[in-house]
Amino acid sequence: MESVGRLFVAVPLTDEVRGALAAHVMEATDDRPLPGKPVAPPNWHVTLRFLGPTDGVAYDRFLAALADAELGGPFSVTFGGLGAFPRPARATVLWLAIEHGADRLERLAALSEEAAQRAGFPPEDRPFHPHLTLSRIRPHQDLRPLIEQVAVFQARLPVDRLVAYRSHLGRGGATYEELENFPLGE
């Protein structure tokens, strides 16, 4: 079976929100890099479902199932403060919280999960937590001081589509290729 690659479905950021968030992070950290391995701003998105390595048949089934889903109409989300998985004192992921609109993202994630299972992917083993990953940290670090010092990011992100992405891994980090768009409200 021919592989399509490492795939996921996500909500993209607008260029305006991406630029404002990059400026917010730089200002909040006094132009110091984030701890760990920061995600490059062009790669920022809100992942709804990671599919992983995928063959063409499973990919086509997933696309068909997601295209059949009642995704609802466009909406907006607002952001909150920083947080960390599994917890700030032993962080391995630094993220930006989603505040208003998180319930709508949870619904889209559930529909993406349903489409993935219909396509034959195993169920996701972790509950969905709407967030935007900013950095991956190995080994874990105590990020409580950073999380406490960074103010809430005041921006509104319009959500009008979902995107199926292919992840290309390389020496300079991952790059993401848009494969399919799923407009909301159609």
N, C-alpha and C. Protein backbone atom coordinates (compact mmCIF):
# COMPACT_ATOMS: atom_id res chain seq x y z
N MET A 1 0.85 -1.18 0.00
CA MET A 1 0.00 0.00 0.00
C MET A 1 0.89 1.24 0.00
N GLU A 2 0.62 2.18 -0.88
CA GLU A 2 1.44 3.38 -1.00
C GLU A 2 1.12 4.37 0.12
N SER A 3 2.17 4.90 0.74
CA SER A 3 2.00 5.85 1.85
C SER A 3 1.77 7.26 1.31
N VAL A 4 0.84 7.95 1.94
CA VAL A 4 0.59 9.36 1.63
C VAL A 4 1.50 10.22 2.50
N GLY A 5 1.92 9.70 3.65
CA GLY A 5 2.78 10.43 4.57
C GLY A 5 2.18 10.52 5.96
N ARG A 6 2.82 11.34 6.81
CA ARG A 6 2.33 11.60 8.17
C ARG A 6 1.30 12.70 8.07
N LEU A 7 0.06 12.40 8.44
CA LEU A 7 -1.04 13.34 8.24
C LEU A 7 -1.69 13.76 9.54
N PHE A 8 -2.32 14.94 9.49
CA PHE A 8 -3.15 15.41 10.60
C PHE A 8 -4.16 16.40 10.04
N VAL A 9 -5.20 16.66 10.82
CA VAL A 9 -6.20 17.66 10.44
C VAL A 9 -6.19 18.74 11.52
N ALA A 10 -6.26 20.01 11.07
CA ALA A 10 -6.09 21.12 12.01
C ALA A 10 -6.84 22.35 11.54
N VAL A 11 -6.92 23.32 12.44
CA VAL A 11 -7.42 24.66 12.14
C VAL A 11 -6.20 25.54 11.92
N PRO A 12 -6.09 26.17 10.74
CA PRO A 12 -4.94 27.04 10.49
C PRO A 12 -5.11 28.40 11.14
N LEU A 13 -4.01 29.08 11.35
CA LEU A 13 -4.03 30.46 11.83
C LEU A 13 -4.02 31.40 10.63
N THR A 14 -4.63 32.56 10.79
CA THR A 14 -4.50 33.58 9.76
C THR A 14 -3.11 34.20 9.89
N ASP A 15 -2.65 34.83 8.80
CA ASP A 15 -1.35 35.50 8.85
C ASP A 15 -1.34 36.61 9.90
N GLU A 16 -2.47 37.31 10.04
CA GLU A 16 -2.57 38.40 11.01
C GLU A 16 -2.40 37.88 12.45
N VAL A 17 -3.09 36.79 12.79
CA VAL A 17 -2.98 36.22 14.13
C VAL A 17 -1.58 35.64 14.35
N ARG A 18 -1.05 34.98 13.34
CA ARG A 18 0.30 34.40 13.45
C ARG A 18 1.33 35.49 13.74
N GLY A 19 1.26 36.61 13.01
CA GLY A 19 2.20 37.71 13.23
C GLY A 19 2.04 38.34 14.60
N ALA A 20 0.80 38.54 15.02
CA ALA A 20 0.54 39.14 16.34
C ALA A 20 1.02 38.22 17.45
N LEU A 21 0.81 36.90 17.30
CA LEU A 21 1.27 35.96 18.32
C LEU A 21 2.79 35.90 18.38
N ALA A 22 3.45 35.91 17.24
CA ALA A 22 4.92 35.90 17.22
C ALA A 22 5.45 37.14 17.94
N ALA A 23 4.86 38.30 17.68
CA ALA A 23 5.29 39.54 18.36
C ALA A 23 5.02 39.46 19.85
N HIS A 24 3.87 38.91 20.24
CA HIS A 24 3.50 38.77 21.65
C HIS A 24 4.51 37.88 22.39
N VAL A 25 4.86 36.76 21.79
CA VAL A 25 5.80 35.83 22.42
C VAL A 25 7.17 36.47 22.54
N MET A 26 7.63 37.15 21.48
CA MET A 26 8.95 37.80 21.54
C MET A 26 8.99 38.88 22.61
N GLU A 27 7.94 39.67 22.69
CA GLU A 27 7.89 40.74 23.69
C GLU A 27 7.83 40.16 25.10
N ALA A 28 7.02 39.13 25.29
CA ALA A 28 6.84 38.54 26.62
C ALA A 28 8.09 37.83 27.12
N THR A 29 8.94 37.38 26.21
CA THR A 29 10.14 36.65 26.62
C THR A 29 11.40 37.51 26.44
N ASP A 30 11.22 38.82 26.26
CA ASP A 30 12.35 39.74 26.06
C ASP A 30 13.26 39.28 24.93
N ASP A 31 12.64 38.81 23.85
CA ASP A 31 13.35 38.35 22.64
C ASP A 31 14.22 37.11 22.88
N ARG A 32 14.04 36.45 24.01
CA ARG A 32 14.76 35.18 24.24
C ARG A 32 13.95 34.06 23.61
N PRO A 33 14.61 33.01 23.11
CA PRO A 33 13.86 31.90 22.54
C PRO A 33 13.07 31.16 23.62
N LEU A 34 12.00 30.55 23.20
CA LEU A 34 11.24 29.70 24.13
C LEU A 34 12.09 28.50 24.52
N PRO A 35 11.84 27.91 25.68
CA PRO A 35 12.60 26.74 26.09
C PRO A 35 12.31 25.56 25.16
N GLY A 36 13.25 24.62 25.13
CA GLY A 36 13.05 23.41 24.34
C GLY A 36 13.22 23.67 22.86
N LYS A 37 12.41 22.98 22.09
CA LYS A 37 12.45 23.12 20.63
C LYS A 37 11.18 23.84 20.19
N PRO A 38 11.26 25.17 20.02
CA PRO A 38 10.07 25.94 19.64
C PRO A 38 9.55 25.52 18.27
N VAL A 39 8.23 25.56 18.13
CA VAL A 39 7.59 25.34 16.84
C VAL A 39 7.71 26.65 16.07
N ALA A 40 8.14 26.58 14.84
CA ALA A 40 8.29 27.78 14.01
C ALA A 40 6.91 28.39 13.75
N PRO A 41 6.79 29.72 13.83
CA PRO A 41 5.49 30.36 13.60
C PRO A 41 4.76 29.91 12.33
N PRO A 42 5.44 29.66 11.20
CA PRO A 42 4.69 29.18 10.03
C PRO A 42 3.98 27.84 10.27
N ASN A 43 4.42 27.10 11.28
CA ASN A 43 3.83 25.79 11.58
C ASN A 43 2.75 25.84 12.65
N TRP A 44 2.44 27.00 13.18
CA TRP A 44 1.43 27.09 14.23
C TRP A 44 0.04 26.79 13.67
N HIS A 45 -0.69 25.98 14.39
CA HIS A 45 -2.05 25.58 14.04
C HIS A 45 -2.67 24.94 15.27
N VAL A 46 -3.95 24.65 15.22
CA VAL A 46 -4.63 23.94 16.31
C VAL A 46 -4.98 22.55 15.78
N THR A 47 -4.24 21.56 16.22
CA THR A 47 -4.46 20.18 15.76
C THR A 47 -5.77 19.65 16.32
N LEU A 48 -6.57 19.06 15.44
CA LEU A 48 -7.81 18.41 15.85
C LEU A 48 -7.64 16.90 15.96
N ARG A 49 -6.86 16.32 15.03
CA ARG A 49 -6.63 14.86 15.07
C ARG A 49 -5.35 14.56 14.29
N PHE A 50 -4.39 13.92 14.95
CA PHE A 50 -3.18 13.44 14.30
C PHE A 50 -3.47 12.04 13.79
N LEU A 51 -3.21 11.80 12.52
CA LEU A 51 -3.45 10.48 11.94
C LEU A 51 -2.18 9.64 11.88
N GLY A 52 -1.04 10.29 11.73
CA GLY A 52 0.21 9.56 11.62
C GLY A 52 0.45 9.06 10.21
N PRO A 53 1.38 8.10 10.06
CA PRO A 53 1.66 7.55 8.74
C PRO A 53 0.39 6.92 8.16
N THR A 54 0.05 7.30 6.94
CA THR A 54 -1.24 6.94 6.37
C THR A 54 -1.08 6.46 4.94
N ASP A 55 -1.78 5.38 4.60
CA ASP A 55 -1.76 4.92 3.20
C ASP A 55 -2.89 5.60 2.43
N GLY A 56 -2.85 5.48 1.12
CA GLY A 56 -3.80 6.17 0.26
C GLY A 56 -5.24 5.78 0.48
N VAL A 57 -5.50 4.50 0.75
CA VAL A 57 -6.88 4.03 0.96
C VAL A 57 -7.46 4.64 2.24
N ALA A 58 -6.70 4.58 3.32
CA ALA A 58 -7.17 5.16 4.59
C ALA A 58 -7.37 6.66 4.46
N TYR A 59 -6.46 7.33 3.74
CA TYR A 59 -6.57 8.77 3.53
C TYR A 59 -7.85 9.10 2.78
N ASP A 60 -8.12 8.38 1.69
CA ASP A 60 -9.34 8.63 0.92
C ASP A 60 -10.59 8.39 1.76
N ARG A 61 -10.58 7.35 2.58
CA ARG A 61 -11.72 7.07 3.46
C ARG A 61 -11.90 8.19 4.48
N PHE A 62 -10.79 8.67 5.03
CA PHE A 62 -10.86 9.76 6.01
C PHE A 62 -11.43 11.01 5.36
N LEU A 63 -10.92 11.37 4.16
CA LEU A 63 -11.43 12.56 3.47
C LEU A 63 -12.92 12.45 3.20
N ALA A 64 -13.37 11.28 2.76
CA ALA A 64 -14.79 11.09 2.47
C ALA A 64 -15.63 11.23 3.74
N ALA A 65 -15.16 10.63 4.83
CA ALA A 65 -15.90 10.70 6.10
C ALA A 65 -15.96 12.13 6.62
N LEU A 66 -14.86 12.86 6.51
CA LEU A 66 -14.85 14.25 6.99
C LEU A 66 -15.70 15.13 6.08
N ALA A 67 -15.68 14.86 4.79
CA ALA A 67 -16.51 15.64 3.85
C ALA A 67 -18.00 15.42 4.12
N ASP A 68 -18.36 14.24 4.63
CA ASP A 68 -19.76 13.93 4.94
C ASP A 68 -20.22 14.49 6.29
N ALA A 69 -19.27 14.89 7.13
CA ALA A 69 -19.59 15.35 8.48
C ALA A 69 -20.26 16.73 8.44
N GLU A 70 -21.18 16.94 9.37
CA GLU A 70 -21.83 18.24 9.54
C GLU A 70 -20.93 19.11 10.41
N LEU A 71 -20.04 19.87 9.78
CA LEU A 71 -19.03 20.64 10.51
C LEU A 71 -19.58 21.91 11.15
N GLY A 72 -20.74 22.37 10.71
CA GLY A 72 -21.30 23.61 11.25
C GLY A 72 -20.73 24.81 10.52
N GLY A 73 -21.16 25.98 10.97
CA GLY A 73 -20.75 27.22 10.33
C GLY A 73 -19.49 27.81 10.91
N PRO A 74 -18.97 28.86 10.29
CA PRO A 74 -17.78 29.55 10.80
C PRO A 74 -18.02 30.12 12.19
N PHE A 75 -16.95 30.28 12.94
CA PHE A 75 -16.99 30.85 14.28
C PHE A 75 -15.63 31.45 14.57
N SER A 76 -15.47 32.00 15.75
CA SER A 76 -14.18 32.57 16.17
C SER A 76 -13.77 31.96 17.50
N VAL A 77 -12.46 31.94 17.72
CA VAL A 77 -11.93 31.55 19.02
C VAL A 77 -11.08 32.69 19.55
N THR A 78 -10.98 32.76 20.85
CA THR A 78 -10.04 33.68 21.47
C THR A 78 -9.05 32.85 22.28
N PHE A 79 -7.89 33.42 22.49
CA PHE A 79 -6.82 32.72 23.17
C PHE A 79 -6.78 33.09 24.65
N GLY A 80 -6.06 32.30 25.41
CA GLY A 80 -5.86 32.56 26.83
C GLY A 80 -4.39 32.70 27.11
N GLY A 81 -3.98 32.18 28.25
CA GLY A 81 -2.59 32.24 28.63
C GLY A 81 -1.84 30.99 28.23
N LEU A 82 -0.61 30.89 28.71
CA LEU A 82 0.21 29.72 28.44
C LEU A 82 -0.13 28.60 29.41
N GLY A 83 0.15 27.40 29.00
CA GLY A 83 -0.01 26.21 29.84
C GLY A 83 1.02 25.19 29.41
N ALA A 84 1.03 24.05 30.07
CA ALA A 84 2.01 23.02 29.75
C ALA A 84 1.44 21.64 30.01
N PHE A 85 1.88 20.70 29.19
CA PHE A 85 1.58 19.27 29.41
C PHE A 85 2.84 18.62 29.93
N PRO A 86 2.82 17.65 30.79
CA PRO A 86 1.63 17.21 31.50
C PRO A 86 1.21 18.18 32.60
N ARG A 87 2.19 18.97 33.08
CA ARG A 87 1.87 20.03 34.05
C ARG A 87 3.05 21.02 34.05
N PRO A 88 2.81 22.27 34.44
CA PRO A 88 3.86 23.29 34.36
C PRO A 88 5.16 22.96 35.09
N ALA A 89 5.10 22.25 36.19
CA ALA A 89 6.32 21.95 36.95
C ALA A 89 7.20 20.90 36.26
N ARG A 90 6.63 20.10 35.39
CA ARG A 90 7.38 19.06 34.66
C ARG A 90 6.96 19.07 33.19
N ALA A 91 7.08 20.22 32.56
CA ALA A 91 6.55 20.43 31.22
C ALA A 91 7.36 19.72 30.14
N THR A 92 6.66 19.10 29.21
CA THR A 92 7.26 18.58 27.98
C THR A 92 6.67 19.26 26.75
N VAL A 93 5.57 19.99 26.94
CA VAL A 93 4.97 20.78 25.86
C VAL A 93 4.50 22.10 26.44
N LEU A 94 4.90 23.20 25.80
CA LEU A 94 4.41 24.53 26.16
C LEU A 94 3.35 24.90 25.13
N TRP A 95 2.19 25.35 25.61
CA TRP A 95 1.09 25.65 24.69
C TRP A 95 0.36 26.92 25.09
N LEU A 96 -0.42 27.41 24.11
CA LEU A 96 -1.28 28.57 24.30
C LEU A 96 -2.71 28.06 24.37
N ALA A 97 -3.42 28.48 25.40
CA ALA A 97 -4.79 28.01 25.63
C ALA A 97 -5.77 28.66 24.65
N ILE A 98 -6.84 27.93 24.39
CA ILE A 98 -7.97 28.44 23.63
C ILE A 98 -9.07 28.68 24.66
N GLU A 99 -9.62 29.88 24.67
CA GLU A 99 -10.68 30.21 25.63
C GLU A 99 -12.04 30.13 24.94
N HIS A 100 -12.55 31.27 24.53
CA HIS A 100 -13.85 31.31 23.86
C HIS A 100 -13.78 30.52 22.56
N GLY A 101 -14.75 29.66 22.33
CA GLY A 101 -14.79 28.84 21.12
C GLY A 101 -14.20 27.46 21.30
N ALA A 102 -13.67 27.16 22.48
CA ALA A 102 -13.08 25.85 22.73
C ALA A 102 -14.11 24.74 22.54
N ASP A 103 -15.37 25.01 22.91
CA ASP A 103 -16.41 23.98 22.75
C ASP A 103 -16.64 23.64 21.29
N ARG A 104 -16.56 24.64 20.42
CA ARG A 104 -16.72 24.38 18.98
C ARG A 104 -15.53 23.58 18.44
N LEU A 105 -14.32 23.89 18.92
CA LEU A 105 -13.15 23.10 18.51
C LEU A 105 -13.28 21.66 19.00
N GLU A 106 -13.81 21.49 20.21
CA GLU A 106 -14.01 20.13 20.73
C GLU A 106 -14.97 19.35 19.84
N ARG A 107 -16.02 20.02 19.35
CA ARG A 107 -16.96 19.37 18.45
C ARG A 107 -16.28 18.98 17.14
N LEU A 108 -15.47 19.89 16.57
CA LEU A 108 -14.75 19.57 15.33
C LEU A 108 -13.75 18.44 15.55
N ALA A 109 -13.12 18.42 16.71
CA ALA A 109 -12.19 17.33 17.02
C ALA A 109 -12.94 16.00 17.13
N ALA A 110 -14.13 16.02 17.73
CA ALA A 110 -14.93 14.79 17.84
C ALA A 110 -15.35 14.31 16.46
N LEU A 111 -15.73 15.22 15.57
CA LEU A 111 -16.09 14.84 14.21
C LEU A 111 -14.87 14.30 13.45
N SER A 112 -13.72 14.88 13.68
CA SER A 112 -12.48 14.40 13.06
C SER A 112 -12.13 13.01 13.58
N GLU A 113 -12.33 12.82 14.88
CA GLU A 113 -12.09 11.50 15.48
C GLU A 113 -13.02 10.45 14.89
N GLU A 114 -14.29 10.82 14.76
CA GLU A 114 -15.28 9.92 14.17
C GLU A 114 -14.89 9.56 12.73
N ALA A 115 -14.47 10.55 11.95
CA ALA A 115 -14.04 10.30 10.57
C ALA A 115 -12.81 9.39 10.54
N ALA A 116 -11.88 9.61 11.46
CA ALA A 116 -10.68 8.77 11.52
C ALA A 116 -11.04 7.32 11.82
N GLN A 117 -11.92 7.12 12.79
CA GLN A 117 -12.31 5.75 13.13
C GLN A 117 -13.08 5.09 11.99
N ARG A 118 -13.93 5.85 11.30
CA ARG A 118 -14.64 5.31 10.15
C ARG A 118 -13.67 4.90 9.05
N ALA A 119 -12.53 5.58 8.97
CA ALA A 119 -11.51 5.27 7.96
C ALA A 119 -10.59 4.14 8.39
N GLY A 120 -10.77 3.64 9.63
CA GLY A 120 -9.97 2.51 10.09
C GLY A 120 -8.82 2.85 11.02
N PHE A 121 -8.71 4.11 11.42
CA PHE A 121 -7.65 4.47 12.37
C PHE A 121 -8.06 4.07 13.78
N PRO A 122 -7.10 3.68 14.61
CA PRO A 122 -7.47 3.35 16.00
C PRO A 122 -7.92 4.59 16.74
N PRO A 123 -8.74 4.42 17.78
CA PRO A 123 -9.20 5.58 18.56
C PRO A 123 -8.02 6.32 19.20
N GLU A 124 -8.16 7.62 19.30
CA GLU A 124 -7.16 8.44 19.99
C GLU A 124 -7.18 8.05 21.46
N ASP A 125 -5.99 7.89 22.04
CA ASP A 125 -5.94 7.42 23.44
C ASP A 125 -5.91 8.56 24.46
N ARG A 126 -5.83 9.81 23.99
CA ARG A 126 -5.82 10.95 24.93
C ARG A 126 -7.03 11.83 24.64
N PRO A 127 -7.61 12.41 25.68
CA PRO A 127 -8.73 13.33 25.43
C PRO A 127 -8.23 14.58 24.71
N PHE A 128 -9.10 15.18 23.90
CA PHE A 128 -8.76 16.39 23.17
C PHE A 128 -8.76 17.58 24.13
N HIS A 129 -7.73 18.39 24.04
CA HIS A 129 -7.60 19.62 24.84
C HIS A 129 -7.22 20.73 23.86
N PRO A 130 -8.15 21.64 23.53
CA PRO A 130 -7.85 22.67 22.52
C PRO A 130 -6.68 23.55 22.95
N HIS A 131 -5.66 23.59 22.10
CA HIS A 131 -4.47 24.38 22.40
C HIS A 131 -3.65 24.58 21.12
N LEU A 132 -2.69 25.46 21.20
CA LEU A 132 -1.75 25.70 20.12
C LEU A 132 -0.35 25.42 20.69
N THR A 133 0.33 24.42 20.17
CA THR A 133 1.66 24.05 20.67
C THR A 133 2.69 25.09 20.25
N LEU A 134 3.44 25.58 21.24
CA LEU A 134 4.50 26.57 20.99
C LEU A 134 5.89 25.96 21.05
N SER A 135 6.09 24.93 21.89
CA SER A 135 7.42 24.35 22.03
C SER A 135 7.31 22.94 22.62
N ARG A 136 8.23 22.09 22.18
CA ARG A 136 8.35 20.73 22.73
C ARG A 136 9.64 20.69 23.55
N ILE A 137 9.57 20.13 24.74
CA ILE A 137 10.68 20.23 25.69
C ILE A 137 11.12 18.84 26.14
N ARG A 138 12.38 18.51 25.88
CA ARG A 138 12.97 17.26 26.33
C ARG A 138 14.37 17.57 26.85
N PRO A 139 14.76 17.19 28.02
CA PRO A 139 13.90 16.61 29.06
C PRO A 139 12.96 17.67 29.62
N HIS A 140 12.05 17.23 30.46
CA HIS A 140 11.04 18.13 31.03
C HIS A 140 11.71 19.28 31.79
N GLN A 141 10.98 20.40 31.91
CA GLN A 141 11.45 21.58 32.64
C GLN A 141 10.31 22.15 33.48
N ASP A 142 10.70 22.91 34.47
CA ASP A 142 9.73 23.66 35.27
C ASP A 142 9.47 24.98 34.55
N LEU A 143 8.27 25.13 34.00
CA LEU A 143 7.93 26.34 33.25
C LEU A 143 7.01 27.28 34.01
N ARG A 144 6.82 27.03 35.30
CA ARG A 144 5.92 27.89 36.07
C ARG A 144 6.30 29.36 36.00
N PRO A 145 7.58 29.73 36.13
CA PRO A 145 7.92 31.17 36.06
C PRO A 145 7.55 31.78 34.69
N LEU A 146 7.82 31.08 33.61
CA LEU A 146 7.49 31.59 32.28
C LEU A 146 5.98 31.73 32.11
N ILE A 147 5.25 30.71 32.51
CA ILE A 147 3.79 30.73 32.36
C ILE A 147 3.17 31.87 33.15
N GLU A 148 3.71 32.13 34.34
CA GLU A 148 3.18 33.20 35.18
C GLU A 148 3.51 34.59 34.65
N GLN A 149 4.63 34.74 33.93
CA GLN A 149 5.04 36.07 33.47
C GLN A 149 4.39 36.49 32.16
N VAL A 150 3.91 35.55 31.36
CA VAL A 150 3.37 35.90 30.04
C VAL A 150 1.88 36.21 30.14
N ALA A 151 1.52 37.39 29.68
CA ALA A 151 0.12 37.83 29.71
C ALA A 151 -0.72 37.05 28.70
N VAL A 152 -2.01 37.10 28.91
CA VAL A 152 -2.95 36.48 27.98
C VAL A 152 -2.79 37.12 26.60
N PHE A 153 -2.83 36.30 25.57
CA PHE A 153 -2.73 36.79 24.19
C PHE A 153 -4.11 37.23 23.73
N GLN A 154 -4.26 38.52 23.50
CA GLN A 154 -5.56 39.11 23.15
C GLN A 154 -5.72 39.13 21.64
N ALA A 155 -6.32 38.10 21.09
CA ALA A 155 -6.60 38.07 19.65
C ALA A 155 -7.77 37.15 19.40
N ARG A 156 -8.43 37.40 18.29
CA ARG A 156 -9.57 36.59 17.86
C ARG A 156 -9.18 35.91 16.55
N LEU A 157 -9.34 34.59 16.50
CA LEU A 157 -9.03 33.82 15.30
C LEU A 157 -10.33 33.37 14.65
N PRO A 158 -10.57 33.81 13.40
CA PRO A 158 -11.74 33.29 12.70
C PRO A 158 -11.47 31.85 12.26
N VAL A 159 -12.44 31.00 12.49
CA VAL A 159 -12.33 29.59 12.09
C VAL A 159 -13.38 29.36 11.01
N ASP A 160 -12.89 29.21 9.77
CA ASP A 160 -13.81 29.02 8.66
C ASP A 160 -13.50 27.79 7.82
N ARG A 161 -12.46 27.03 8.24
CA ARG A 161 -12.11 25.81 7.51
C ARG A 161 -11.23 24.91 8.35
N LEU A 162 -11.24 23.65 8.00
CA LEU A 162 -10.29 22.66 8.52
C LEU A 162 -9.35 22.32 7.37
N VAL A 163 -8.14 21.93 7.70
CA VAL A 163 -7.16 21.58 6.69
C VAL A 163 -6.54 20.23 7.02
N ALA A 164 -6.46 19.35 6.01
CA ALA A 164 -5.69 18.12 6.13
C ALA A 164 -4.27 18.46 5.69
N TYR A 165 -3.30 18.18 6.55
CA TYR A 165 -1.90 18.50 6.29
C TYR A 165 -1.06 17.22 6.20
N ARG A 166 0.02 17.33 5.43
CA ARG A 166 1.08 16.32 5.42
C ARG A 166 2.28 16.93 6.11
N SER A 167 2.88 16.19 7.01
CA SER A 167 4.06 16.63 7.74
C SER A 167 5.30 16.06 7.07
N HIS A 168 6.25 16.94 6.73
CA HIS A 168 7.53 16.53 6.16
C HIS A 168 8.59 16.76 7.23
N LEU A 169 9.21 15.68 7.68
CA LEU A 169 10.25 15.80 8.70
C LEU A 169 11.59 16.03 8.03
N GLY A 170 12.40 16.92 8.61
CA GLY A 170 13.72 17.20 8.05
C GLY A 170 14.65 17.75 9.12
N ARG A 171 15.87 17.99 8.69
CA ARG A 171 16.89 18.48 9.64
C ARG A 171 16.51 19.81 10.28
N GLY A 172 15.86 20.68 9.54
CA GLY A 172 15.48 21.98 10.07
C GLY A 172 14.15 21.96 10.80
N GLY A 173 13.61 20.78 11.07
CA GLY A 173 12.30 20.66 11.71
C GLY A 173 11.25 20.31 10.68
N ALA A 174 10.05 20.12 11.14
CA ALA A 174 8.96 19.72 10.26
C ALA A 174 8.46 20.91 9.44
N THR A 175 7.98 20.60 8.25
CA THR A 175 7.24 21.56 7.45
C THR A 175 5.90 20.90 7.12
N TYR A 176 4.88 21.72 6.93
CA TYR A 176 3.54 21.20 6.71
C TYR A 176 3.00 21.63 5.36
N GLU A 177 2.43 20.67 4.67
CA GLU A 177 1.86 20.90 3.34
C GLU A 177 0.34 20.74 3.42
N GLU A 178 -0.39 21.76 2.96
CA GLU A 178 -1.84 21.66 2.91
C GLU A 178 -2.23 20.71 1.79
N LEU A 179 -3.08 19.72 2.14
CA LEU A 179 -3.55 18.76 1.14
C LEU A 179 -4.99 19.01 0.74
N GLU A 180 -5.85 19.20 1.71
CA GLU A 180 -7.29 19.38 1.46
C GLU A 180 -7.85 20.41 2.41
N ASN A 181 -8.85 21.16 1.95
CA ASN A 181 -9.57 22.13 2.78
C ASN A 181 -11.00 21.68 2.93
N PHE A 182 -11.54 21.88 4.12
CA PHE A 182 -12.93 21.57 4.44
C PHE A 182 -13.58 22.85 4.96
N PRO A 183 -14.22 23.64 4.07
CA PRO A 183 -14.84 24.90 4.51
C PRO A 183 -15.99 24.64 5.48
N LEU A 184 -16.12 25.48 6.48
CA LEU A 184 -17.24 25.39 7.40
C LEU A 184 -18.44 26.11 6.78
N GLY A 185 -19.62 25.57 7.04
CA GLY A 185 -20.83 26.22 6.58
C GLY A 185 -21.27 25.85 5.18
N GLU A 186 -20.62 24.85 4.58
CA GLU A 186 -21.02 24.43 3.23
C GLU A 186 -21.69 23.09 3.27
